Amino acid sequence: MPGKQPQLKDRELYEKLRDEGDSKQKAARISNAAAARGRSPVGRKGGDSGSYEDWTVPELKKRAKELGLSGYSKKNKGELVKELRNH
Protein backbone atom coordinates (compact mmCIF):
# COMPACT_ATOMS: atom_id res chain seq x y z
CA MET A 1 0.00 0.00 0.00
CA PRO A 2 1.66 3.29 -1.08
CA GLY A 3 2.62 5.65 1.73
CA LYS A 4 2.22 2.99 4.40
CA GLN A 5 5.09 2.89 6.89
CA PRO A 6 6.52 -0.54 7.71
CA GLN A 7 6.14 -1.86 11.23
CA LEU A 8 9.67 -1.86 12.58
CA LYS A 9 10.68 -4.07 15.45
CA ASP A 10 14.23 -2.72 15.74
CA ARG A 11 14.18 0.96 14.72
CA GLU A 12 17.80 1.52 15.81
CA LEU A 13 19.11 -1.17 13.46
CA TYR A 14 16.78 0.07 10.70
CA GLU A 15 18.20 3.60 10.96
CA LYS A 16 21.79 2.28 11.00
CA LEU A 17 21.16 0.26 7.84
CA ARG A 18 19.53 3.24 6.11
CA ASP A 19 22.52 5.41 7.03
CA GLU A 20 24.76 2.78 5.42
CA GLY A 21 22.77 3.05 2.19
CA ASP A 22 20.37 0.11 2.35
CA SER A 23 16.94 0.61 0.81
CA LYS A 24 13.93 1.10 3.08
CA GLN A 25 12.63 -2.34 2.19
CA LYS A 26 15.93 -4.12 2.84
CA ALA A 27 16.57 -2.25 6.10
CA ALA A 28 13.07 -3.09 7.38
CA ARG A 29 13.42 -6.74 6.41
CA ILE A 30 16.81 -7.12 8.12
CA SER A 31 15.87 -5.19 11.26
CA ASN A 32 12.66 -7.18 11.71
CA ALA A 33 14.47 -10.48 11.16
CA ALA A 34 17.12 -9.47 13.69
CA ALA A 35 14.44 -8.59 16.25
CA ALA A 36 12.70 -11.93 15.72
CA ARG A 37 15.76 -14.22 15.62
CA GLY A 38 18.53 -12.18 17.21
CA ARG A 39 21.23 -10.22 15.45
CA SER A 40 23.88 -12.96 15.40
CA PRO A 41 21.97 -15.47 13.23
CA VAL A 42 20.82 -12.71 10.87
CA GLY A 43 24.34 -11.30 10.59
CA ARG A 44 25.73 -14.66 9.46
CA LYS A 45 23.10 -15.08 6.74
CA GLY A 46 23.50 -13.73 3.21
CA GLY A 47 26.34 -12.04 1.44
CA ASP A 48 27.58 -8.58 0.65
CA SER A 49 26.10 -6.85 -2.37
CA GLY A 50 28.48 -3.90 -2.28
CA SER A 51 27.74 -0.23 -2.45
CA TYR A 52 25.60 1.25 -5.22
CA GLU A 53 28.47 3.67 -5.90
CA ASP A 54 30.49 0.70 -7.15
CA TRP A 55 27.78 -0.30 -9.66
CA THR A 56 27.74 0.82 -13.28
CA VAL A 57 24.86 2.92 -14.63
CA PRO A 58 23.48 -0.05 -16.65
CA GLU A 59 23.54 -2.19 -13.49
CA LEU A 60 21.74 0.52 -11.53
CA LYS A 61 19.10 0.87 -14.26
CA LYS A 62 18.61 -2.89 -14.34
CA ARG A 63 18.07 -2.92 -10.57
CA ALA A 64 15.62 0.00 -10.82
CA LYS A 65 13.68 -1.94 -13.44
CA GLU A 66 13.65 -5.07 -11.22
CA LEU A 67 12.18 -2.99 -8.41
CA GLY A 68 9.50 -1.54 -10.66
CA LEU A 69 10.71 2.04 -10.41
CA SER A 70 9.78 4.50 -13.13
CA GLY A 71 11.65 7.36 -14.78
CA TYR A 72 15.05 5.77 -14.20
CA SER A 73 16.11 5.72 -17.86
CA LYS A 74 16.94 9.45 -17.92
CA LYS A 75 18.64 9.62 -14.52
CA ASN A 76 22.37 9.94 -13.99
CA LYS A 77 24.34 7.71 -11.64
CA GLY A 78 23.91 9.94 -8.57
CA GLU A 79 20.16 10.21 -9.12
CA LEU A 80 19.86 6.43 -9.61
CA VAL A 81 21.78 5.70 -6.40
CA LYS A 82 19.56 8.13 -4.46
CA GLU A 83 16.39 6.64 -5.97
CA LEU A 84 17.45 3.07 -5.15
CA ARG A 85 18.41 3.96 -1.59
CA ASN A 86 15.10 5.71 -0.99
CA HIS A 87 13.01 2.95 -2.50
PDB file of N, CA and C in Angstrom:
ATOM      1  N   MET A   1       0.848  -1.176   0.000  1.00  0.00           N
ATOM      2  CA  MET A   1       0.000   0.000   0.000  1.00  0.00           C
ATOM      3  C   MET A   1       0.895   1.241   0.000  1.00  0.00           C
ATOM      4  N   PRO A   2       0.792   2.117  -0.993  1.00  0.00           N
ATOM      5  CA  PRO A   2       1.657   3.295  -1.084  1.00  0.00           C
ATOM      6  C   PRO A   2       1.508   4.199   0.135  1.00  0.00           C
ATOM      7  N   GLY A   3       2.634   4.714   0.621  1.00  0.00           N
ATOM      8  CA  GLY A   3       2.621   5.645   1.731  1.00  0.00           C
ATOM      9  C   GLY A   3       2.543   4.986   3.101  1.00  0.00           C
ATOM     10  N   LYS A   4       2.328   3.690   3.133  1.00  0.00           N
ATOM     11  CA  LYS A   4       2.220   2.987   4.405  1.00  0.00           C
ATOM     12  C   LYS A   4       3.616   2.742   4.976  1.00  0.00           C
ATOM     13  N   GLN A   5       3.813   3.102   6.238  1.00  0.00           N
ATOM     14  CA  GLN A   5       5.089   2.894   6.892  1.00  0.00           C
ATOM     15  C   GLN A   5       5.193   1.456   7.378  1.00  0.00           C
ATOM     16  N   PRO A   6       6.347   0.824   7.218  1.00  0.00           N
ATOM     17  CA  PRO A   6       6.515  -0.543   7.709  1.00  0.00           C
ATOM     18  C   PRO A   6       6.523  -0.566   9.233  1.00  0.00           C
ATOM     19  N   GLN A   7       6.076  -1.670   9.789  1.00  0.00           N
ATOM     20  CA  GLN A   7       6.136  -1.856  11.232  1.00  0.00           C
ATOM     21  C   GLN A   7       7.536  -2.350  11.571  1.00  0.00           C
ATOM     22  N   LEU A   8       8.280  -1.533  12.264  1.00  0.00           N
ATOM     23  CA  LEU A   8       9.668  -1.861  12.576  1.00  0.00           C
ATOM     24  C   LEU A   8       9.785  -2.376  14.000  1.00  0.00           C
ATOM     25  N   LYS A   9      10.484  -3.478  14.138  1.00  0.00           N
ATOM     26  CA  LYS A   9      10.676  -4.074  15.450  1.00  0.00           C
ATOM     27  C   LYS A   9      12.010  -3.663  16.069  1.00  0.00           C
ATOM     28  N   ASP A  10      12.927  -3.172  15.254  1.00  0.00           N
ATOM     29  CA  ASP A  10      14.232  -2.715  15.738  1.00  0.00           C
ATOM     30  C   ASP A  10      14.587  -1.437  14.976  1.00  0.00           C
ATOM     31  N   ARG A  11      14.011  -0.318  15.416  1.00  0.00           N
ATOM     32  CA  ARG A  11      14.182   0.958  14.718  1.00  0.00           C
ATOM     33  C   ARG A  11      15.650   1.393  14.688  1.00  0.00           C
ATOM     34  N   GLU A  12      16.394   1.125  15.758  1.00  0.00           N
ATOM     35  CA  GLU A  12      17.799   1.519  15.810  1.00  0.00           C
ATOM     36  C   GLU A  12      18.605   0.842  14.700  1.00  0.00           C
ATOM     37  N   LEU A  13      18.409  -0.458  14.528  1.00  0.00           N
ATOM     38  CA  LEU A  13      19.111  -1.171  13.465  1.00  0.00           C
ATOM     39  C   LEU A  13      18.633  -0.691  12.096  1.00  0.00           C
ATOM     40  N   TYR A  14      17.337  -0.448  11.955  1.00  0.00           N
ATOM     41  CA  TYR A  14      16.781   0.067  10.704  1.00  0.00           C
ATOM     42  C   TYR A  14      17.486   1.370  10.312  1.00  0.00           C
ATOM     43  N   GLU A  15      17.582   2.298  11.247  1.00  0.00           N
ATOM     44  CA  GLU A  15      18.199   3.598  10.960  1.00  0.00           C
ATOM     45  C   GLU A  15      19.682   3.438  10.610  1.00  0.00           C
ATOM     46  N   LYS A  16      20.378   2.532  11.296  1.00  0.00           N
ATOM     47  CA  LYS A  16      21.793   2.275  11.001  1.00  0.00           C
ATOM     48  C   LYS A  16      21.943   1.752   9.578  1.00  0.00           C
ATOM     49  N   LEU A  17      21.095   0.823   9.187  1.00  0.00           N
ATOM     50  CA  LEU A  17      21.158   0.261   7.836  1.00  0.00           C
ATOM     51  C   LEU A  17      20.834   1.312   6.780  1.00  0.00           C
ATOM     52  N   ARG A  18      19.871   2.172   7.054  1.00  0.00           N
ATOM     53  CA  ARG A  18      19.528   3.241   6.105  1.00  0.00           C
ATOM     54  C   ARG A  18      20.703   4.204   5.950  1.00  0.00           C
ATOM     55  N   ASP A  19      21.362   4.522   7.084  1.00  0.00           N
ATOM     56  CA  ASP A  19      22.525   5.413   7.029  1.00  0.00           C
ATOM     57  C   ASP A  19      23.655   4.809   6.207  1.00  0.00           C
ATOM     58  N   GLU A  20      23.730   3.479   6.195  1.00  0.00           N
ATOM     59  CA  GLU A  20      24.761   2.781   5.422  1.00  0.00           C
ATOM     60  C   GLU A  20      24.387   2.649   3.949  1.00  0.00           C
ATOM     61  N   GLY A  21      23.165   3.057   3.599  1.00  0.00           N
ATOM     62  CA  GLY A  21      22.770   3.055   2.195  1.00  0.00           C
ATOM     63  C   GLY A  21      21.800   1.972   1.779  1.00  0.00           C
ATOM     64  N   ASP A  22      21.338   1.153   2.719  1.00  0.00           N
ATOM     65  CA  ASP A  22      20.372   0.114   2.353  1.00  0.00           C
ATOM     66  C   ASP A  22      19.016   0.748   2.037  1.00  0.00           C
ATOM     67  N   SER A  23      18.260   0.114   1.154  1.00  0.00           N
ATOM     68  CA  SER A  23      16.940   0.608   0.812  1.00  0.00           C
ATOM     69  C   SER A  23      16.020   0.476   2.015  1.00  0.00           C
ATOM     70  N   LYS A  24      14.907   1.179   2.001  1.00  0.00           N
ATOM     71  CA  LYS A  24      13.933   1.104   3.085  1.00  0.00           C
ATOM     72  C   LYS A  24      13.443  -0.326   3.265  1.00  0.00           C
ATOM     73  N   GLN A  25      13.152  -0.982   2.149  1.00  0.00           N
ATOM     74  CA  GLN A  25      12.630  -2.344   2.185  1.00  0.00           C
ATOM     75  C   GLN A  25      13.655  -3.307   2.790  1.00  0.00           C
ATOM     76  N   LYS A  26      14.886  -3.225   2.343  1.00  0.00           N
ATOM     77  CA  LYS A  26      15.926  -4.125   2.843  1.00  0.00           C
ATOM     78  C   LYS A  26      16.207  -3.863   4.322  1.00  0.00           C
ATOM     79  N   ALA A  27      16.301  -2.590   4.707  1.00  0.00           N
ATOM     80  CA  ALA A  27      16.575  -2.250   6.101  1.00  0.00           C
ATOM     81  C   ALA A  27      15.457  -2.753   7.012  1.00  0.00           C
ATOM     82  N   ALA A  28      14.208  -2.608   6.576  1.00  0.00           N
ATOM     83  CA  ALA A  28      13.074  -3.089   7.383  1.00  0.00           C
ATOM     84  C   ALA A  28      13.110  -4.605   7.503  1.00  0.00           C
ATOM     85  N   ARG A  29      13.385  -5.283   6.405  1.00  0.00           N
ATOM     86  CA  ARG A  29      13.419  -6.742   6.413  1.00  0.00           C
ATOM     87  C   ARG A  29      14.519  -7.264   7.351  1.00  0.00           C
ATOM     88  N   ILE A  30      15.700  -6.674   7.277  1.00  0.00           N
ATOM     89  CA  ILE A  30      16.812  -7.115   8.116  1.00  0.00           C
ATOM     90  C   ILE A  30      16.554  -6.782   9.583  1.00  0.00           C
ATOM     91  N   SER A  31      16.088  -5.570   9.865  1.00  0.00           N
ATOM     92  CA  SER A  31      15.869  -5.192  11.259  1.00  0.00           C
ATOM     93  C   SER A  31      14.767  -6.019  11.902  1.00  0.00           C
ATOM     94  N   ASN A  32      13.730  -6.346  11.159  1.00  0.00           N
ATOM     95  CA  ASN A  32      12.660  -7.179  11.710  1.00  0.00           C
ATOM     96  C   ASN A  32      13.120  -8.615  11.911  1.00  0.00           C
ATOM     97  N   ALA A  33      13.940  -9.125  10.995  1.00  0.00           N
ATOM     98  CA  ALA A  33      14.470 -10.480  11.157  1.00  0.00           C
ATOM     99  C   ALA A  33      15.395 -10.535  12.366  1.00  0.00           C
ATOM    100  N   ALA A  34      16.203  -9.505  12.552  1.00  0.00           N
ATOM    101  CA  ALA A  34      17.118  -9.467  13.688  1.00  0.00           C
ATOM    102  C   ALA A  34      16.348  -9.416  15.001  1.00  0.00           C
ATOM    103  N   ALA A  35      15.250  -8.671  15.031  1.00  0.00           N
ATOM    104  CA  ALA A  35      14.438  -8.588  16.246  1.00  0.00           C
ATOM    105  C   ALA A  35      13.774  -9.927  16.546  1.00  0.00           C
ATOM    106  N   ALA A  36      13.389 -10.650  15.526  1.00  0.00           N
ATOM    107  CA  ALA A  36      12.696 -11.929  15.716  1.00  0.00           C
ATOM    108  C   ALA A  36      13.651 -13.060  16.073  1.00  0.00           C
ATOM    109  N   ARG A  37      14.844 -13.080  15.448  1.00  0.00           N
ATOM    110  CA  ARG A  37      15.761 -14.216  15.624  1.00  0.00           C
ATOM    111  C   ARG A  37      17.042 -13.867  16.351  1.00  0.00           C
ATOM    112  N   GLY A  38      17.269 -12.613  16.605  1.00  0.00           N
ATOM    113  CA  GLY A  38      18.528 -12.183  17.206  1.00  0.00           C
ATOM    114  C   GLY A  38      19.481 -11.725  16.127  1.00  0.00           C
ATOM    115  N   ARG A  39      20.343 -10.804  16.455  1.00  0.00           N
ATOM    116  CA  ARG A  39      21.235 -10.217  15.450  1.00  0.00           C
ATOM    117  C   ARG A  39      22.306 -11.179  14.968  1.00  0.00           C
ATOM    118  N   SER A  40      22.806 -12.059  15.812  1.00  0.00           N
ATOM    119  CA  SER A  40      23.885 -12.956  15.402  1.00  0.00           C
ATOM    120  C   SER A  40      23.482 -13.876  14.255  1.00  0.00           C
ATOM    121  N   PRO A  41      22.343 -14.594  14.351  1.00  0.00           N
ATOM    122  CA  PRO A  41      21.967 -15.466  13.230  1.00  0.00           C
ATOM    123  C   PRO A  41      21.713 -14.686  11.940  1.00  0.00           C
ATOM    124  N   VAL A  42      21.112 -13.517  12.057  1.00  0.00           N
ATOM    125  CA  VAL A  42      20.817 -12.715  10.874  1.00  0.00           C
ATOM    126  C   VAL A  42      22.110 -12.195  10.260  1.00  0.00           C
ATOM    127  N   GLY A  43      23.076 -11.821  11.081  1.00  0.00           N
ATOM    128  CA  GLY A  43      24.340 -11.304  10.588  1.00  0.00           C
ATOM    129  C   GLY A  43      25.159 -12.329   9.829  1.00  0.00           C
ATOM    130  N   ARG A  44      24.988 -13.609  10.154  1.00  0.00           N
ATOM    131  CA  ARG A  44      25.730 -14.658   9.464  1.00  0.00           C
ATOM    132  C   ARG A  44      25.095 -15.043   8.140  1.00  0.00           C
ATOM    133  N   LYS A  45      23.832 -14.690   7.932  1.00  0.00           N
ATOM    134  CA  LYS A  45      23.101 -15.083   6.741  1.00  0.00           C
ATOM    135  C   LYS A  45      23.383 -14.105   5.600  1.00  0.00           C
ATOM    136  N   GLY A  46      23.390 -14.598   4.378  1.00  0.00           N
ATOM    137  CA  GLY A  46      23.497 -13.731   3.210  1.00  0.00           C
ATOM    138  C   GLY A  46      24.923 -13.317   2.898  1.00  0.00           C
ATOM    139  N   GLY A  47      25.028 -12.499   1.873  1.00  0.00           N
ATOM    140  CA  GLY A  47      26.337 -12.044   1.437  1.00  0.00           C
ATOM    141  C   GLY A  47      26.417 -10.544   1.451  1.00  0.00           C
ATOM    142  N   ASP A  48      27.351 -10.015   0.714  1.00  0.00           N
ATOM    143  CA  ASP A  48      27.576  -8.582   0.648  1.00  0.00           C
ATOM    144  C   ASP A  48      27.381  -8.135  -0.794  1.00  0.00           C
ATOM    145  N   SER A  49      26.405  -7.275  -1.002  1.00  0.00           N
ATOM    146  CA  SER A  49      26.102  -6.850  -2.367  1.00  0.00           C
ATOM    147  C   SER A  49      26.947  -5.666  -2.816  1.00  0.00           C
ATOM    148  N   GLY A  50      27.672  -5.054  -1.910  1.00  0.00           N
ATOM    149  CA  GLY A  50      28.481  -3.904  -2.278  1.00  0.00           C
ATOM    150  C   GLY A  50      27.675  -2.621  -2.305  1.00  0.00           C
ATOM    151  N   SER A  51      28.361  -1.538  -2.450  1.00  0.00           N
ATOM    152  CA  SER A  51      27.735  -0.231  -2.450  1.00  0.00           C
ATOM    153  C   SER A  51      27.244   0.120  -3.857  1.00  0.00           C
ATOM    154  N   TYR A  52      26.117   0.820  -3.923  1.00  0.00           N
ATOM    155  CA  TYR A  52      25.602   1.250  -5.224  1.00  0.00           C
ATOM    156  C   TYR A  52      26.608   2.122  -5.967  1.00  0.00           C
ATOM    157  N   GLU A  53      27.475   2.832  -5.239  1.00  0.00           N
ATOM    158  CA  GLU A  53      28.474   3.673  -5.895  1.00  0.00           C
ATOM    159  C   GLU A  53      29.445   2.852  -6.737  1.00  0.00           C
ATOM    160  N   ASP A  54      29.594   1.567  -6.404  1.00  0.00           N
ATOM    161  CA  ASP A  54      30.494   0.697  -7.149  1.00  0.00           C
ATOM    162  C   ASP A  54      29.836   0.090  -8.390  1.00  0.00           C
ATOM    163  N   TRP A  55      28.531   0.265  -8.530  1.00  0.00           N
ATOM    164  CA  TRP A  55      27.782  -0.305  -9.657  1.00  0.00           C
ATOM    165  C   TRP A  55      27.908   0.604 -10.872  1.00  0.00           C
ATOM    166  N   THR A  56      27.769   0.030 -12.050  1.00  0.00           N
ATOM    167  CA  THR A  56      27.737   0.825 -13.280  1.00  0.00           C
ATOM    168  C   THR A  56      26.318   1.355 -13.481  1.00  0.00           C
ATOM    169  N   VAL A  57      26.188   2.358 -14.340  1.00  0.00           N
ATOM    170  CA  VAL A  57      24.860   2.915 -14.630  1.00  0.00           C
ATOM    171  C   VAL A  57      23.926   1.845 -15.205  1.00  0.00           C
ATOM    172  N   PRO A  58      24.377   1.007 -16.162  1.00  0.00           N
ATOM    173  CA  PRO A  58      23.480  -0.046 -16.648  1.00  0.00           C
ATOM    174  C   PRO A  58      23.028  -1.011 -15.541  1.00  0.00           C
ATOM    175  N   GLU A  59      23.925  -1.311 -14.605  1.00  0.00           N
ATOM    176  CA  GLU A  59      23.542  -2.190 -13.486  1.00  0.00           C
ATOM    177  C   GLU A  59      22.508  -1.517 -12.595  1.00  0.00           C
ATOM    178  N   LEU A  60      22.690  -0.223 -12.345  1.00  0.00           N
ATOM    179  CA  LEU A  60      21.739   0.525 -11.526  1.00  0.00           C
ATOM    180  C   LEU A  60      20.372   0.594 -12.207  1.00  0.00           C
ATOM    181  N   LYS A  61      20.368   0.817 -13.514  1.00  0.00           N
ATOM    182  CA  LYS A  61      19.104   0.873 -14.260  1.00  0.00           C
ATOM    183  C   LYS A  61      18.409  -0.485 -14.261  1.00  0.00           C
ATOM    184  N   LYS A  62      19.182  -1.549 -14.380  1.00  0.00           N
ATOM    185  CA  LYS A  62      18.607  -2.890 -14.343  1.00  0.00           C
ATOM    186  C   LYS A  62      17.950  -3.141 -12.987  1.00  0.00           C
ATOM    187  N   ARG A  63      18.629  -2.733 -11.907  1.00  0.00           N
ATOM    188  CA  ARG A  63      18.071  -2.920 -10.566  1.00  0.00           C
ATOM    189  C   ARG A  63      16.803  -2.082 -10.384  1.00  0.00           C
ATOM    190  N   ALA A  64      16.813  -0.862 -10.898  1.00  0.00           N
ATOM    191  CA  ALA A  64      15.625  -0.004 -10.818  1.00  0.00           C
ATOM    192  C   ALA A  64      14.446  -0.654 -11.536  1.00  0.00           C
ATOM    193  N   LYS A  65      14.723  -1.246 -12.687  1.00  0.00           N
ATOM    194  CA  LYS A  65      13.678  -1.942 -13.437  1.00  0.00           C
ATOM    195  C   LYS A  65      13.146  -3.126 -12.644  1.00  0.00           C
ATOM    196  N   GLU A  66      14.057  -3.913 -12.025  1.00  0.00           N
ATOM    197  CA  GLU A  66      13.651  -5.069 -11.221  1.00  0.00           C
ATOM    198  C   GLU A  66      12.738  -4.660 -10.070  1.00  0.00           C
ATOM    199  N   LEU A  67      12.980  -3.473  -9.530  1.00  0.00           N
ATOM    200  CA  LEU A  67      12.184  -2.985  -8.405  1.00  0.00           C
ATOM    201  C   LEU A  67      10.902  -2.296  -8.847  1.00  0.00           C
ATOM    202  N   GLY A  68      10.716  -2.161 -10.151  1.00  0.00           N
ATOM    203  CA  GLY A  68       9.498  -1.542 -10.665  1.00  0.00           C
ATOM    204  C   GLY A  68       9.474  -0.033 -10.564  1.00  0.00           C
ATOM    205  N   LEU A  69      10.643   0.580 -10.480  1.00  0.00           N
ATOM    206  CA  LEU A  69      10.713   2.037 -10.412  1.00  0.00           C
ATOM    207  C   LEU A  69      10.452   2.622 -11.797  1.00  0.00           C
ATOM    208  N   SER A  70      10.028   3.861 -11.836  1.00  0.00           N
ATOM    209  CA  SER A  70       9.777   4.502 -13.127  1.00  0.00           C
ATOM    210  C   SER A  70      10.642   5.748 -13.258  1.00  0.00           C
ATOM    211  N   GLY A  71      10.880   6.161 -14.497  1.00  0.00           N
ATOM    212  CA  GLY A  71      11.649   7.358 -14.778  1.00  0.00           C
ATOM    213  C   GLY A  71      13.147   7.207 -14.622  1.00  0.00           C
ATOM    214  N   TYR A  72      13.622   5.987 -14.453  1.00  0.00           N
ATOM    215  CA  TYR A  72      15.051   5.771 -14.204  1.00  0.00           C
ATOM    216  C   TYR A  72      15.909   5.903 -15.460  1.00  0.00           C
ATOM    217  N   SER A  73      15.305   5.756 -16.630  1.00  0.00           N
ATOM    218  CA  SER A  73      16.110   5.721 -17.858  1.00  0.00           C
ATOM    219  C   SER A  73      16.826   7.042 -18.154  1.00  0.00           C
ATOM    220  N   LYS A  74      16.316   8.150 -17.638  1.00  0.00           N
ATOM    221  CA  LYS A  74      16.938   9.448 -17.916  1.00  0.00           C
ATOM    222  C   LYS A  74      17.763   9.966 -16.746  1.00  0.00           C
ATOM    223  N   LYS A  75      17.911   9.163 -15.707  1.00  0.00           N
ATOM    224  CA  LYS A  75      18.644   9.615 -14.521  1.00  0.00           C
ATOM    225  C   LYS A  75      20.135   9.320 -14.653  1.00  0.00           C
ATOM    226  N   ASN A  76      20.929  10.177 -14.018  1.00  0.00           N
ATOM    227  CA  ASN A  76      22.371   9.936 -13.990  1.00  0.00           C
ATOM    228  C   ASN A  76      22.689   9.020 -12.805  1.00  0.00           C
ATOM    229  N   LYS A  77      23.946   8.682 -12.655  1.00  0.00           N
ATOM    230  CA  LYS A  77      24.339   7.714 -11.637  1.00  0.00           C
ATOM    231  C   LYS A  77      23.958   8.177 -10.227  1.00  0.00           C
ATOM    232  N   GLY A  78      24.237   9.410  -9.898  1.00  0.00           N
ATOM    233  CA  GLY A  78      23.905   9.936  -8.568  1.00  0.00           C
ATOM    234  C   GLY A  78      22.415   9.882  -8.290  1.00  0.00           C
ATOM    235  N   GLU A  79      21.616  10.246  -9.279  1.00  0.00           N
ATOM    236  CA  GLU A  79      20.159  10.210  -9.121  1.00  0.00           C
ATOM    237  C   GLU A  79      19.660   8.778  -8.960  1.00  0.00           C
ATOM    238  N   LEU A  80      20.254   7.852  -9.712  1.00  0.00           N
ATOM    239  CA  LEU A  80      19.859   6.435  -9.608  1.00  0.00           C
ATOM    240  C   LEU A  80      20.181   5.884  -8.224  1.00  0.00           C
ATOM    241  N   VAL A  81      21.375   6.184  -7.724  1.00  0.00           N
ATOM    242  CA  VAL A  81      21.778   5.701  -6.398  1.00  0.00           C
ATOM    243  C   VAL A  81      20.804   6.235  -5.349  1.00  0.00           C
ATOM    244  N   LYS A  82      20.490   7.519  -5.422  1.00  0.00           N
ATOM    245  CA  LYS A  82      19.563   8.132  -4.460  1.00  0.00           C
ATOM    246  C   LYS A  82      18.185   7.472  -4.556  1.00  0.00           C
ATOM    247  N   GLU A  83      17.699   7.262  -5.748  1.00  0.00           N
ATOM    248  CA  GLU A  83      16.392   6.640  -5.969  1.00  0.00           C
ATOM    249  C   GLU A  83      16.355   5.221  -5.399  1.00  0.00           C
ATOM    250  N   LEU A  84      17.396   4.449  -5.647  1.00  0.00           N
ATOM    251  CA  LEU A  84      17.445   3.072  -5.146  1.00  0.00           C
ATOM    252  C   LEU A  84      17.530   3.031  -3.626  1.00  0.00           C
ATOM    253  N   ARG A  85      18.288   3.933  -3.047  1.00  0.00           N
ATOM    254  CA  ARG A  85      18.407   3.963  -1.590  1.00  0.00           C
ATOM    255  C   ARG A  85      17.110   4.388  -0.916  1.00  0.00           C
ATOM    256  N   ASN A  86      16.344   5.218  -1.587  1.00  0.00           N
ATOM    257  CA  ASN A  86      15.102   5.715  -0.988  1.00  0.00           C
ATOM    258  C   ASN A  86      13.884   4.896  -1.375  1.00  0.00           C
ATOM    259  N   HIS A  87      14.123   3.822  -2.091  1.00  0.00           N
ATOM    260  CA  HIS A  87      13.008   2.947  -2.501  1.00  0.00           C
ATOM    261  C   HIS A  87      12.479   2.195  -1.304  1.00  0.00           C
TER     262      HIS A  87
END
